[in-house]
C-alpha atoms as a PDB file:
ATOM      1  CA  MET A   1      -0.204   0.029   0.188  1.00  0.00           C
ATOM      2  CA  PHE A   2       1.172   3.349  -0.796  1.00  0.00           C
ATOM      3  CA  VAL A   3       0.466   6.672   1.172  1.00  0.00           C
ATOM      4  CA  ALA A   4       1.078  10.123  -0.309  1.00  0.00           C
ATOM      5  CA  THR A   5       1.693  12.933   2.597  1.00  0.00           C
ATOM      6  CA  GLU A   6       2.582  16.564   1.892  1.00  0.00           C
ATOM      7  CA  SER A   7       6.217  15.865   1.114  1.00  0.00           C
ATOM      8  CA  ASN A   8       6.459  12.217   0.267  1.00  0.00           C
ATOM      9  CA  ILE A   9       5.017   8.603  -0.323  1.00  0.00           C
ATOM     10  CA  LEU A  10       5.395   5.802   2.103  1.00  0.00           C
ATOM     11  CA  CYS A  11       5.156   2.009   1.324  1.00  0.00           C
ATOM     12  CA  PHE A  12       3.706  -0.592   3.715  1.00  0.00           C
ATOM     13  CA  ASN A  13       3.279  -4.177   3.102  1.00  0.00           C
ATOM     14  CA  LYS A  14       0.012  -5.971   3.996  1.00  0.00           C
ATOM     15  CA  TYR A  15       0.681  -6.532   7.746  1.00  0.00           C
ATOM     16  CA  GLY A  16       1.016  -2.568   8.249  1.00  0.00           C
ATOM     17  CA  SER A  17       5.041  -2.705   8.184  1.00  0.00           C
ATOM     18  CA  GLN A  18       6.493   0.210   6.737  1.00  0.00           C
ATOM     19  CA  LEU A  19       8.899  -0.883   3.709  1.00  0.00           C
ATOM     20  CA  TRP A  20      10.459   2.321   2.551  1.00  0.00           C
ATOM     21  CA  THR A  21       9.877   6.364   2.566  1.00  0.00           C
ATOM     22  CA  ALA A  22      10.671   8.333  -0.458  1.00  0.00           C
ATOM     23  CA  GLU A  23      13.158  11.522  -0.480  1.00  0.00           C
ATOM     24  CA  ILE A  24      11.406  14.485  -0.117  1.00  0.00           C
ATOM     25  CA  LEU A  25       8.977  15.055  -3.008  1.00  0.00           C
ATOM     26  CA  GLY A  26       7.280  18.320  -2.325  1.00  0.00           C
ATOM     27  CA  ILE A  27       6.870  20.700   0.549  1.00  0.00           C
ATOM     28  CA  ASP A  28       3.313  21.555   0.195  1.00  0.00           C
ATOM     29  CA  GLY A  29       1.464  18.162  -1.335  1.00  0.00           C
ATOM     30  CA  VAL A  30       2.372  15.454  -3.420  1.00  0.00           C
ATOM     31  CA  LEU A  31       0.077  14.023  -6.217  1.00  0.00           C
ATOM     32  CA  VAL A  32       0.224  10.815  -7.820  1.00  0.00           C
ATOM     33  CA  ASN A  33      -0.669  10.921 -11.618  1.00  0.00           C
ATOM     34  CA  ASN A  34       0.025   7.306 -12.421  1.00  0.00           C
ATOM     35  CA  PHE A  35       1.138   4.203 -11.520  1.00  0.00           C
ATOM     36  CA  ASP A  36       2.159   1.328 -14.072  1.00  0.00           C
ATOM     37  CA  GLY A  37       2.925  -1.314 -11.433  1.00  0.00           C
ATOM     38  CA  GLU A  38       6.923  -0.672 -11.456  1.00  0.00           C
ATOM     39  CA  ARG A  39       6.926   3.299 -11.251  1.00  0.00           C
ATOM     40  CA  ILE A  40       4.646   5.922  -9.451  1.00  0.00           C
ATOM     41  CA  TYR A  41       4.534   9.080 -12.026  1.00  0.00           C
ATOM     42  CA  GLY A  42       3.815  12.359  -9.880  1.00  0.00           C
ATOM     43  CA  ALA A  43       4.597  15.952  -8.932  1.00  0.00           C
ATOM     44  CA  GLY A  44       5.420  17.699  -5.931  1.00  0.00           C
ATOM     45  CA  GLU A  45       4.574  21.294  -5.017  1.00  0.00           C
ATOM     46  CA  TYR A  46       7.773  23.109  -4.052  1.00  0.00           C
ATOM     47  CA  ASP A  47       6.839  26.862  -4.458  1.00  0.00           C
ATOM     48  CA  PRO A  48       3.113  27.135  -3.845  1.00  0.00           C
ATOM     49  CA  PRO A  49       0.884  28.161  -5.388  1.00  0.00           C
ATOM     50  CA  GLY A  50       1.511  26.197  -8.671  1.00  0.00           C
ATOM     51  CA  GLY A  51       5.342  25.477  -8.140  1.00  0.00           C
ATOM     52  CA  TRP A  52       4.859  21.788  -9.001  1.00  0.00           C
ATOM     53  CA  VAL A  53       7.742  19.603 -10.100  1.00  0.00           C
ATOM     54  CA  ASP A  54       7.288  16.099 -11.652  1.00  0.00           C
ATOM     55  CA  PHE A  55       9.016  12.944 -10.527  1.00  0.00           C
ATOM     56  CA  VAL A  56       9.057   9.015 -11.119  1.00  0.00           C
ATOM     57  CA  ILE A  57       9.947   6.841  -8.240  1.00  0.00           C
ATOM     58  CA  ASN A  58      10.412   3.232  -8.278  1.00  0.00           C
ATOM     59  CA  SER A  59       7.708   1.190  -6.570  1.00  0.00           C
ATOM     60  CA  ARG A  60       9.691  -1.694  -5.040  1.00  0.00           C
ATOM     61  CA  THR A  61      12.384   0.804  -3.628  1.00  0.00           C
ATOM     62  CA  GLY A  62      11.008   4.337  -3.644  1.00  0.00           C
ATOM     63  CA  LYS A  63      14.070   5.570  -5.065  1.00  0.00           C
ATOM     64  CA  ARG A  64      13.791   8.301  -8.124  1.00  0.00           C
ATOM     65  CA  VAL A  65      14.229   6.845 -11.637  1.00  0.00           C
ATOM     66  CA  LEU A  66      16.812   9.466 -13.610  1.00  0.00           C
ATOM     67  CA  ASN A  67      16.490   9.885 -17.246  1.00  0.00           C
ATOM     68  CA  CYS A  68      12.592   8.452 -17.247  1.00  0.00           C
ATOM     69  CA  PHE A  69      10.065  10.212 -19.658  1.00  0.00           C
ATOM     70  CA  LEU A  70       7.530  11.605 -17.494  1.00  0.00           C
ATOM     71  CA  ALA A  71       4.011  11.064 -18.877  1.00  0.00           C
ATOM     72  CA  ARG A  72       0.929  12.851 -17.305  1.00  0.00           C
ATOM     73  CA  GLU A  73      -2.454  11.494 -17.395  1.00  0.00           C
ATOM     74  CA  LEU A  74      -4.751  14.319 -19.281  1.00  0.00           C
END
């Protein structure tokens, strides 16, 4: 299970134990735009209002995926 907070995303297993916490993804909100089973695509707000920065993280590790095409759902 994934939980988005105002600044990051956390991952828990089915027993409720925390598996990982992503690095800081924003300071005033984190939106998840898409999940493809391997990657979590989203945006974090760093400079409110409207200072959204896209991110992609690996769903198994919580680490950022580098050099990855950022696709947004329209």
